[in-house]
Protein backbone atom coordinates (compact mmCIF):
# COMPACT_ATOMS: atom_id res chain seq x y z
CA MET A 1 0.04 -0.16 -0.04
CA VAL A 2 0.95 3.49 -0.65
CA GLY A 3 1.60 5.32 2.70
CA GLN A 4 2.60 2.88 4.49
CA LEU A 5 6.38 2.32 6.29
CA PRO A 6 7.62 -0.90 6.02
CA ARG A 7 7.81 -3.08 9.52
CA LEU A 8 11.09 -3.34 10.79
CA ASN A 9 11.93 -7.18 12.35
CA VAL A 10 13.86 -5.64 15.23
CA SER A 11 13.58 -7.77 18.85
CA LEU A 12 13.56 -5.74 21.93
CA ALA A 13 15.83 -8.71 23.66
CA THR A 14 18.28 -8.34 21.37
CA MET A 15 18.75 -4.49 21.71
CA LYS A 16 21.31 -3.14 23.62
CA TYR A 17 21.62 0.31 25.98
CA THR A 18 24.48 2.78 24.76
CA SER A 19 25.60 3.92 28.12
CA ALA A 20 25.65 2.39 31.54
CA ARG A 21 22.72 2.74 33.82
CA PRO A 22 23.82 3.62 37.10
CA LEU A 23 21.19 3.40 38.80
CA ALA A 24 19.87 0.28 37.61
CA ASP A 25 21.35 -1.23 41.18
CA PRO A 26 19.03 -0.94 44.05
CA GLU A 27 21.45 -0.59 46.11
CA THR A 28 23.22 2.21 44.25
CA GLY A 29 19.81 3.81 43.52
CA ALA A 30 19.08 3.75 47.52
CA ARG A 31 22.21 5.26 48.51
CA LYS A 32 21.84 8.35 45.84
CA LEU A 33 17.76 8.70 47.05
CA VAL A 34 18.98 9.27 50.75
CA GLU A 35 21.85 11.55 49.25
CA ILE A 36 19.40 13.65 47.46
CA ALA A 37 16.80 13.79 50.25
CA SER A 38 19.21 15.06 52.95
CA GLY A 39 20.31 17.67 50.56
CA ILE A 40 16.79 19.19 50.53
CA GLN A 41 15.62 21.35 53.53
CA PRO A 42 12.84 19.49 55.16
CA VAL A 43 9.49 21.61 56.04
CA GLN A 44 7.43 20.56 58.86
CA ASP A 45 8.22 17.83 60.87
CA GLY A 46 10.84 16.72 58.99
CA ARG A 47 8.99 15.85 55.92
CA VAL A 48 10.56 15.88 52.63
CA PHE A 49 8.28 15.62 49.85
CA ILE A 50 8.80 12.55 47.23
CA GLU A 51 8.72 14.74 44.38
CA LEU A 52 11.44 16.98 45.44
CA ILE A 53 13.89 13.55 45.66
CA ASN A 54 12.04 12.10 42.10
CA VAL A 55 12.87 15.03 39.98
CA PRO A 56 16.58 14.69 40.42
CA PHE A 57 16.56 11.11 40.66
CA LEU A 58 15.13 11.19 37.39
CA LYS A 59 17.69 13.88 35.94
CA GLN A 60 20.24 11.60 37.38
CA GLY A 61 19.61 8.59 35.11
CA GLY A 62 16.99 6.58 37.14
CA THR A 63 13.62 5.24 35.98
CA GLY A 64 10.44 5.00 37.49
CA GLU A 65 11.12 1.77 38.39
CA GLN A 66 14.32 2.02 39.65
CA PHE A 67 13.16 4.61 41.87
CA SER A 68 10.31 2.65 43.61
CA ALA A 69 13.11 0.08 44.19
CA ALA A 70 15.16 2.26 45.93
CA VAL A 71 12.46 3.59 48.08
CA ALA A 72 11.53 0.25 49.14
CA LEU A 73 15.00 -0.95 49.63
CA ALA A 74 16.25 2.34 51.77
CA GLN A 75 12.75 1.70 53.56
CA GLU A 76 13.51 -1.58 54.15
CA ARG A 77 17.03 -0.92 55.64
CA GLY A 78 15.41 2.07 57.79
CA TRP A 79 17.38 4.70 55.58
CA LEU A 80 14.07 6.53 55.37
CA GLU A 81 10.54 6.50 56.46
CA LEU A 82 7.79 6.63 53.78
CA HIS A 83 4.61 8.45 54.63
CA GLU A 84 1.65 5.57 54.34
CA SER A 85 0.32 8.22 51.94
CA GLY A 86 3.42 8.21 49.84
CA THR A 87 3.75 11.88 49.55
CA TYR A 88 6.82 12.86 51.67
CA VAL A 89 9.85 10.82 53.51
CA ARG A 90 11.45 11.74 56.51
CA LEU A 91 15.01 10.58 57.52
CA PRO A 92 15.71 9.27 60.74
CA ALA A 93 17.50 11.30 63.09
CA GLN A 94 20.78 9.29 62.92
CA MET A 95 20.93 9.94 59.42
CA LEU A 96 20.57 13.53 59.74
CA ALA A 97 23.47 13.58 62.58
CA ARG A 98 26.15 12.22 59.85
CA PRO A 99 27.26 12.92 56.30
CA ILE A 100 25.72 10.28 54.20
CA ARG A 101 29.14 8.80 53.07
CA GLU A 102 30.30 7.87 56.67
CA SER A 103 26.85 6.73 57.91
CA ALA A 104 26.85 3.50 59.82
CA ALA A 105 23.28 2.65 58.41
CA PHE A 106 25.08 2.08 54.95
CA GLY A 107 27.46 -0.52 56.54
CA PRO A 108 26.77 -4.12 55.79
CA ASP A 109 23.91 -5.72 56.57
């Protein structure tokens, strides 16, 4: 037919990414997430709104799925507390007291 484009026979399984995905590892993503959150001035009761963390995470090469995995891992390890509504997080007091790189919370589990 006239006006139709030819179909390409390309499998998504054979496609390769052209650059490394630095936040694909949940551990790395969780650390980056806490680093971003600790650099944001909290509002009432130490709350950091989730969108203030999400945007920088995505701009640094993360995806929505990687963000979700990073939040879940950081919450599981006690690095941050996610409110049940999902609209904000809080950093535990021991995370605020020390720089992230030196925090004992990042040691082996």
